[in-house]
Amino acid sequence: MKIKIITSPEELGSLGQEWNALLKDSANNVIYLTHEWIMAWWSSFGKGNILNVIAVYNEKGQLVGIAPMMRTNNRYRGVNITKICLMANGHSPSSNFIISKENIAEITKAILDYLKGNSDTDIIELTKLDTNSQTYSIAFDYLNMNSSRIGIKESIESPFILINSDWETFFSGRSQRFRKSLRNKINRANKSVGISIEKIQINNSNNPAIQDMFAVSEKSWKRQDGTDITSNPQSKNFHKEICDRFGPQGIISLWLLRKETIPIAFEFHLTYDNVVYPIRADYDESYKELSPGSILEYNIIKTLFDEAKIREYNTCGHSYNYLMNWSEDTRKHANIEIFCKNYKSSLLYSLEYKLIPLLRKIKLNKVKQQIMNLGETT
């Protein structure tokens, strides 16, 4: 096998056809590993970093493996480090390698060997890996077998809904308390004049509905902490890039809930390989009493079951209570941190995975002892 490192956006852009063909032949065929997604992500969030995409070719010159990674300067426990990591952030539901099904173990190990051989790197981070994926299990076993200094940190746990029954069967399986609460919200919304729901196909970022989406996000609770779309130019650019790169494929839908003519909630969907990915959802905080987010989500999920055209609704979110009301099925993710063979990395590994856990244990035991002493004196 031959490994090639992609360091320029132009070279990365030229891989589109090969990239997506390999993705469809892999065990990780998801929207956020498509060439379009990675290009949109890099265009929006790559500034200040260096592309370090690992491309693996077989003896016939065929692309058989991709690790969409970048090199970045960062801080770890206050120490400046150089890190190579998968291209993922809060806008990414997950991340992974893209590898041909025929030689998953061999190619995964080749990528890991290359990464570990970088002498000018302090930490390698495999970000937001699905813990049920072959990449995660192979990497975990192989790194441990080679006595690598690694640490595992839990990442998001993301609910998903399988569309494998009729609506009534699925909905009746939700808790009685949740169904009652939802019916009350629906009844309250029905009594309000001018509530309507619209599904709009988005072909590019010039669609006027995109401005409606931005306007709702700007009035959401996320505005207070600066996580709405419009407060972050990179986030705004990412959503526009997504529209322009995926829009011509006809796979983008924007669901809008309106109060008369005013948009008050939205869900922004990508549909890929019969899976719906709601990659963004917000509601106008000033209409909170109408529970616009809950009303819109209920109607969307019901429609997906009634139409029976897709196999899964991937929430792209965390295990928040409101999402767990809809499904007990989740995908757990974790970050694998690999500490390279240099003095700084060794110290950071010992600090993070030896000393700090020990201090936490000592502190916990001290608190327990104080509680026991308090109990003895009362």
Protein backbone atom coordinates (compact mmCIF):
# COMPACT_ATOMS: atom_id res chain seq x y z
CA MET A 1 0.00 0.00 0.00
CA LYS A 2 1.04 3.59 -0.65
CA ILE A 3 0.18 6.55 1.56
CA LYS A 4 -0.18 10.04 0.17
CA ILE A 5 -0.77 13.16 2.27
CA ILE A 6 -3.16 15.76 0.85
CA THR A 7 -2.15 19.25 2.02
CA SER A 8 -3.80 21.61 -0.48
CA PRO A 9 -7.51 22.45 -0.90
CA GLU A 10 -7.08 22.14 -4.66
CA GLU A 11 -5.81 18.58 -4.43
CA LEU A 12 -8.51 17.74 -1.90
CA GLY A 13 -11.13 19.20 -4.25
CA SER A 14 -9.98 16.98 -7.11
CA LEU A 15 -10.72 13.78 -5.16
CA GLY A 16 -14.51 14.13 -5.19
CA GLN A 17 -15.47 11.23 -7.45
CA GLU A 18 -12.98 8.74 -5.99
CA TRP A 19 -13.74 9.87 -2.44
CA ASN A 20 -17.50 9.38 -2.66
CA ALA A 21 -17.15 6.08 -4.53
CA LEU A 22 -14.97 4.74 -1.71
CA LEU A 23 -17.40 6.07 0.90
CA LYS A 24 -20.30 4.18 -0.66
CA ASP A 25 -18.18 1.02 -0.54
CA SER A 26 -17.25 1.53 3.12
CA ALA A 27 -18.94 0.62 6.40
CA ASN A 28 -19.24 4.32 7.30
CA ASN A 29 -21.41 5.67 4.48
CA VAL A 30 -22.76 8.78 6.23
CA ILE A 31 -23.40 12.35 5.09
CA TYR A 32 -20.69 13.94 7.24
CA LEU A 33 -17.95 11.88 5.59
CA THR A 34 -18.93 12.82 2.03
CA HIS A 35 -16.50 14.87 -0.03
CA GLU A 36 -19.02 17.73 -0.17
CA TRP A 37 -19.33 17.88 3.63
CA ILE A 38 -15.56 17.80 4.20
CA MET A 39 -15.01 20.54 1.61
CA ALA A 40 -17.71 22.71 3.21
CA TRP A 41 -16.26 22.06 6.67
CA TRP A 42 -12.69 22.90 5.64
CA SER A 43 -13.78 26.04 3.79
CA SER A 44 -15.58 27.25 6.92
CA PHE A 45 -13.43 26.04 9.82
CA GLY A 46 -10.02 25.24 8.38
CA LYS A 47 -8.44 28.69 8.69
CA GLY A 48 -5.28 28.60 10.79
CA ASN A 49 -4.90 24.83 10.37
CA ILE A 50 -3.07 22.66 7.84
CA LEU A 51 -4.72 19.96 5.77
CA ASN A 52 -3.32 16.55 6.58
CA VAL A 53 -5.70 14.19 4.76
CA ILE A 54 -4.29 10.69 4.56
CA ALA A 55 -5.06 8.86 1.30
CA VAL A 56 -4.19 5.16 1.05
CA TYR A 57 -3.79 3.46 -2.34
CA ASN A 58 -3.43 -0.24 -3.12
CA GLU A 59 -0.90 -1.80 -5.51
CA LYS A 60 -3.27 -1.11 -8.42
CA GLY A 61 -3.35 2.59 -7.62
CA GLN A 62 -6.91 2.48 -6.34
CA LEU A 63 -7.98 4.67 -3.43
CA VAL A 64 -8.83 2.28 -0.56
CA GLY A 65 -8.60 4.43 2.55
CA ILE A 66 -9.03 8.03 3.70
CA ALA A 67 -8.44 9.69 7.06
CA PRO A 68 -9.84 13.26 6.81
CA MET A 69 -7.38 14.87 9.20
CA MET A 70 -5.70 18.19 9.81
CA ARG A 71 -2.69 19.50 11.69
CA THR A 72 -3.31 22.26 14.23
CA ASN A 73 -1.53 24.14 16.99
CA ASN A 74 -3.49 23.88 20.21
CA ARG A 75 -3.24 23.96 23.98
CA TYR A 76 -3.54 20.96 26.26
CA ARG A 77 -3.77 21.61 30.00
CA GLY A 78 -2.27 25.02 29.28
CA VAL A 79 0.67 23.62 27.29
CA ASN A 80 1.22 24.51 23.62
CA ILE A 81 1.06 21.39 21.45
CA THR A 82 1.00 20.31 17.83
CA LYS A 83 -1.92 17.99 17.16
CA ILE A 84 -3.18 15.94 14.24
CA CYS A 85 -6.92 15.27 14.48
CA LEU A 86 -9.94 14.31 12.45
CA MET A 87 -11.79 17.26 10.93
CA ALA A 88 -14.75 17.60 13.28
CA ASN A 89 -16.27 20.13 15.66
CA GLY A 90 -19.67 20.96 17.15
CA HIS A 91 -21.20 21.02 13.66
CA SER A 92 -20.10 17.42 13.05
CA PRO A 93 -22.44 14.66 14.24
CA SER A 94 -19.51 12.23 14.19
CA SER A 95 -16.27 11.44 12.37
CA ASN A 96 -14.34 8.42 11.16
CA PHE A 97 -11.98 6.91 8.61
CA ILE A 98 -13.30 5.93 5.17
CA ILE A 99 -12.01 2.46 4.34
CA SER A 100 -12.79 -0.23 1.80
CA LYS A 101 -14.68 -3.12 3.39
CA GLU A 102 -12.22 -5.64 1.98
CA ASN A 103 -9.18 -4.68 4.09
CA ILE A 104 -10.47 -2.64 7.01
CA ALA A 105 -8.00 -3.89 9.61
CA GLU A 106 -4.93 -3.68 7.38
CA ILE A 107 -5.70 -0.17 6.14
CA THR A 108 -6.66 1.14 9.58
CA LYS A 109 -3.37 -0.12 11.00
CA ALA A 110 -1.42 1.45 8.11
CA ILE A 111 -3.02 4.83 8.86
CA LEU A 112 -2.28 4.49 12.57
CA ASP A 113 1.34 3.51 11.89
CA TYR A 114 1.78 6.58 9.71
CA LEU A 115 0.26 8.85 12.34
CA LYS A 116 2.42 7.44 15.13
CA GLY A 117 5.49 7.97 12.98
CA ASN A 118 5.08 11.76 12.91
CA SER A 119 8.06 12.99 14.94
CA ASP A 120 6.88 16.62 14.90
CA THR A 121 3.51 15.88 16.53
CA ASP A 122 2.62 15.76 20.22
CA ILE A 123 -0.91 14.32 20.23
CA ILE A 124 -3.07 12.52 17.68
CA GLU A 125 -6.80 12.73 18.28
CA LEU A 126 -9.34 10.45 16.62
CA THR A 127 -12.33 12.69 17.23
CA LYS A 128 -15.96 11.64 17.76
CA LEU A 129 -15.55 8.01 16.72
CA ASP A 130 -18.64 5.81 16.92
CA THR A 131 -17.67 3.29 19.59
CA ASN A 132 -19.53 0.56 17.67
CA SER A 133 -17.55 1.18 14.50
CA GLN A 134 -14.83 -1.15 13.30
CA THR A 135 -12.40 1.77 13.20
CA TYR A 136 -12.81 2.31 16.94
CA SER A 137 -12.43 -1.36 17.91
CA ILE A 138 -9.49 -1.99 15.57
CA ALA A 139 -7.69 1.20 16.66
CA PHE A 140 -8.28 0.52 20.36
CA ASP A 141 -7.00 -3.06 20.17
CA TYR A 142 -4.05 -2.29 17.88
CA LEU A 143 -2.84 0.69 19.90
CA ASN A 144 -3.06 -1.23 23.17
CA MET A 145 -1.31 -4.22 21.64
CA ASN A 146 1.59 -1.96 20.66
CA SER A 147 1.78 -0.42 24.14
CA SER A 148 0.90 3.03 22.82
CA ARG A 149 0.11 5.75 25.34
CA ILE A 150 -3.57 6.34 24.71
CA GLY A 151 -6.50 7.85 26.56
CA ILE A 152 -10.21 7.55 25.92
CA LYS A 153 -12.60 10.43 26.52
CA GLU A 154 -16.36 10.12 26.15
CA SER A 155 -17.92 12.32 23.49
CA ILE A 156 -21.56 12.72 22.47
CA GLU A 157 -24.25 10.07 22.79
CA SER A 158 -26.60 10.68 19.89
CA PRO A 159 -30.17 9.31 19.68
CA PHE A 160 -31.62 7.98 16.43
CA ILE A 161 -35.06 6.78 15.35
CA LEU A 162 -35.51 3.72 13.16
CA ILE A 163 -38.40 4.11 10.71
CA ASN A 164 -39.42 0.45 10.73
CA SER A 165 -43.09 0.46 11.74
CA ASP A 166 -46.26 2.47 11.22
CA TRP A 167 -46.70 5.75 13.06
CA GLU A 168 -49.31 4.55 15.56
CA THR A 169 -47.19 1.60 16.63
CA PHE A 170 -44.14 3.80 17.10
CA PHE A 171 -45.91 6.66 18.87
CA SER A 172 -47.80 4.37 21.23
CA GLY A 173 -44.41 3.10 22.37
CA ARG A 174 -43.47 6.53 23.73
CA SER A 175 -44.11 7.14 27.41
CA GLN A 176 -47.62 8.08 28.45
CA ARG A 177 -46.32 11.21 30.15
CA PHE A 178 -44.53 12.35 26.98
CA ARG A 179 -47.57 11.68 24.76
CA LYS A 180 -49.85 13.59 27.14
CA SER A 181 -47.46 16.55 27.29
CA LEU A 182 -47.15 16.59 23.50
CA ARG A 183 -50.92 16.45 22.99
CA ASN A 184 -51.31 19.44 25.31
CA LYS A 185 -48.74 21.38 23.28
CA ILE A 186 -50.47 20.47 20.01
CA ASN A 187 -53.87 21.51 21.36
CA ARG A 188 -52.44 24.81 22.55
CA ALA A 189 -50.85 25.45 19.14
CA ASN A 190 -54.08 24.53 17.33
CA LYS A 191 -55.92 27.23 19.30
CA SER A 192 -53.43 29.82 18.10
CA VAL A 193 -54.39 31.52 14.83
CA GLY A 194 -52.18 31.23 11.77
CA ILE A 195 -49.91 28.28 12.63
CA SER A 196 -48.62 26.52 9.50
CA ILE A 197 -45.81 24.15 8.51
CA GLU A 198 -43.96 24.24 5.20
CA LYS A 199 -41.32 21.95 3.72
CA ILE A 200 -39.05 23.76 1.26
CA GLN A 201 -36.49 22.18 -1.05
CA ILE A 202 -33.23 24.11 -1.00
CA ASN A 203 -31.16 24.13 -4.20
CA ASN A 204 -28.61 26.78 -3.18
CA SER A 205 -27.85 29.40 -0.56
CA ASN A 206 -29.73 32.09 -2.50
CA ASN A 207 -33.11 30.58 -1.60
CA PRO A 208 -34.97 33.26 0.44
CA ALA A 209 -35.97 30.60 2.99
CA ILE A 210 -32.33 30.45 4.13
CA GLN A 211 -32.66 34.03 5.36
CA ASP A 212 -35.79 32.95 7.28
CA MET A 213 -33.69 30.20 8.88
CA PHE A 214 -31.00 32.70 9.88
CA ALA A 215 -33.63 35.09 11.28
CA VAL A 216 -35.12 32.38 13.50
CA SER A 217 -31.69 31.31 14.75
CA GLU A 218 -30.85 34.91 15.59
CA LYS A 219 -33.93 35.09 17.84
CA SER A 220 -33.31 31.74 19.54
CA TRP A 221 -32.00 31.20 23.07
CA LYS A 222 -28.65 30.39 21.51
CA ARG A 223 -28.18 34.08 20.72
CA GLN A 224 -27.39 34.75 24.38
CA ASP A 225 -24.28 32.58 24.35
CA GLY A 226 -23.31 33.34 20.75
CA THR A 227 -24.07 29.90 19.31
CA ASP A 228 -26.82 30.98 16.91
CA ILE A 229 -25.89 30.76 13.24
CA THR A 230 -25.58 34.50 12.58
CA SER A 231 -23.30 35.25 15.55
CA ASN A 232 -20.58 33.03 14.11
CA PRO A 233 -19.45 33.90 10.55
CA GLN A 234 -17.86 30.46 10.21
CA SER A 235 -21.12 28.72 11.12
CA LYS A 236 -23.09 30.91 8.73
CA ASN A 237 -20.63 30.20 5.93
CA PHE A 238 -20.78 26.46 6.67
CA HIS A 239 -24.56 26.35 6.24
CA LYS A 240 -24.34 28.35 3.01
CA GLU A 241 -21.57 26.05 1.73
CA ILE A 242 -23.73 23.03 2.56
CA CYS A 243 -26.59 24.55 0.55
CA ASP A 244 -24.40 25.24 -2.48
CA ARG A 245 -22.59 21.89 -2.46
CA PHE A 246 -25.53 19.58 -1.69
CA GLY A 247 -28.40 21.70 -3.01
CA PRO A 248 -28.07 20.68 -6.69
CA GLN A 249 -28.44 17.03 -5.60
CA GLY A 250 -31.95 17.75 -4.28
CA ILE A 251 -31.24 16.35 -0.81
CA ILE A 252 -31.76 19.49 1.32
CA SER A 253 -35.09 20.29 2.97
CA LEU A 254 -35.92 23.20 5.23
CA TRP A 255 -38.95 22.71 7.45
CA LEU A 256 -40.44 26.01 8.64
CA LEU A 257 -43.12 26.57 11.26
CA ARG A 258 -44.80 29.92 10.81
CA LYS A 259 -47.09 32.08 12.91
CA GLU A 260 -49.06 33.72 10.12
CA THR A 261 -46.20 34.94 7.87
CA ILE A 262 -43.50 34.96 10.56
CA PRO A 263 -41.10 31.96 10.69
CA ILE A 264 -40.74 30.89 14.32
CA ALA A 265 -39.02 27.47 14.13
CA PHE A 266 -37.05 25.42 11.62
CA GLU A 267 -35.27 22.13 11.01
CA PHE A 268 -32.59 21.99 8.34
CA HIS A 269 -32.38 18.48 6.84
CA LEU A 270 -30.00 16.55 4.61
CA THR A 271 -31.18 13.18 3.29
CA TYR A 272 -28.48 10.68 2.32
CA ASP A 273 -28.57 6.91 1.83
CA ASN A 274 -32.18 6.82 3.12
CA VAL A 275 -31.23 8.57 6.36
CA VAL A 276 -32.44 12.03 7.39
CA TYR A 277 -29.90 14.25 9.14
CA PRO A 278 -31.44 17.29 10.88
CA ILE A 279 -28.15 19.14 11.19
CA ARG A 280 -29.67 22.32 12.66
CA ALA A 281 -32.88 23.23 14.50
CA ASP A 282 -33.81 26.47 16.32
CA TYR A 283 -36.93 28.33 17.42
CA ASP A 284 -37.81 31.96 18.16
CA GLU A 285 -37.61 32.41 21.93
CA SER A 286 -40.39 35.03 21.91
CA TYR A 287 -42.87 32.30 20.83
CA LYS A 288 -41.72 29.84 23.47
CA GLU A 289 -45.23 29.48 24.97
CA LEU A 290 -46.35 27.81 21.73
CA SER A 291 -43.60 25.13 22.01
CA PRO A 292 -42.74 25.65 18.32
CA GLY A 293 -39.75 23.28 18.33
CA SER A 294 -41.76 20.41 19.78
CA ILE A 295 -44.69 21.01 17.42
CA LEU A 296 -42.45 21.09 14.36
CA GLU A 297 -40.49 18.00 15.39
CA TYR A 298 -43.68 16.03 16.07
CA ASN A 299 -45.06 16.83 12.60
CA ILE A 300 -41.77 16.05 10.89
CA ILE A 301 -41.30 12.66 12.57
CA LYS A 302 -44.94 11.73 11.97
CA THR A 303 -44.59 12.65 8.28
CA LEU A 304 -41.45 10.53 7.94
CA PHE A 305 -43.27 7.51 9.37
CA ASP A 306 -46.37 8.12 7.24
CA GLU A 307 -44.34 8.47 4.04
CA ALA A 308 -42.13 5.47 4.90
CA LYS A 309 -39.43 6.55 2.43
CA ILE A 310 -36.44 6.56 4.74
CA ARG A 311 -35.00 4.09 7.21
CA GLU A 312 -33.66 6.38 9.94
CA TYR A 313 -33.96 9.82 11.52
CA ASN A 314 -30.49 10.58 12.90
CA THR A 315 -30.99 13.37 15.44
CA CYS A 316 -27.38 14.61 15.04
CA GLY A 317 -27.66 15.71 18.67
CA HIS A 318 -26.82 14.83 22.24
CA SER A 319 -28.82 12.66 24.59
CA TYR A 320 -30.97 15.57 25.71
CA ASN A 321 -34.19 14.66 27.50
CA TYR A 322 -36.40 16.00 24.73
CA LEU A 323 -34.64 13.76 22.19
CA MET A 324 -34.57 10.71 24.47
CA ASN A 325 -38.37 11.02 24.71
CA TRP A 326 -38.44 10.00 21.06
CA SER A 327 -35.99 7.09 21.14
CA GLU A 328 -33.98 4.91 23.50
CA ASP A 329 -31.58 4.01 20.66
CA THR A 330 -28.32 5.93 20.76
CA ARG A 331 -24.85 5.88 19.25
CA LYS A 332 -22.05 6.49 21.70
CA HIS A 333 -18.93 8.32 20.57
CA ALA A 334 -15.49 8.77 22.06
CA ASN A 335 -12.21 10.51 21.35
CA ILE A 336 -9.04 8.43 21.27
CA GLU A 337 -6.01 10.49 22.28
CA ILE A 338 -2.65 9.07 21.20
CA PHE A 339 0.39 10.58 22.91
CA CYS A 340 3.50 10.55 20.75
CA LYS A 341 7.02 9.52 21.76
CA ASN A 342 8.52 12.73 23.08
CA TYR A 343 9.16 14.21 26.51
CA LYS A 344 6.31 16.74 26.39
CA SER A 345 3.75 14.13 25.31
CA SER A 346 4.90 11.74 28.04
CA LEU A 347 4.43 14.41 30.69
CA LEU A 348 1.00 15.38 29.38
CA TYR A 349 -0.12 11.75 29.31
CA SER A 350 1.04 11.22 32.90
CA LEU A 351 -0.70 14.42 33.97
CA GLU A 352 -4.00 13.70 32.22
CA TYR A 353 -4.38 9.98 32.81
CA LYS A 354 -2.30 9.31 35.92
CA LEU A 355 -1.93 12.32 38.21
CA ILE A 356 -5.27 14.08 37.68
CA PRO A 357 -7.36 10.89 38.16
CA LEU A 358 -5.33 10.14 41.32
CA LEU A 359 -5.97 13.65 42.71
CA ARG A 360 -9.66 13.33 41.90
CA LYS A 361 -9.80 10.01 43.72
CA ILE A 362 -8.05 11.48 46.77
CA LYS A 363 -10.44 14.43 46.79
CA LEU A 364 -13.46 12.15 46.47
CA ASN A 365 -12.27 9.94 49.32
CA LYS A 366 -11.70 13.03 51.45
CA VAL A 367 -15.24 14.25 50.81
CA LYS A 368 -16.64 10.80 51.64
CA GLN A 369 -14.68 10.77 54.89
CA GLN A 370 -15.98 14.21 55.82
CA ILE A 371 -19.55 13.05 55.21
CA MET A 372 -18.97 9.97 57.37
CA ASN A 373 -17.48 12.11 60.15
CA LEU A 374 -20.44 14.47 59.96
CA GLY A 375 -22.81 11.54 60.27
CA GLU A 376 -21.02 10.25 63.36
CA THR A 377 -21.30 13.61 65.13
CA THR A 378 -25.06 14.08 64.53
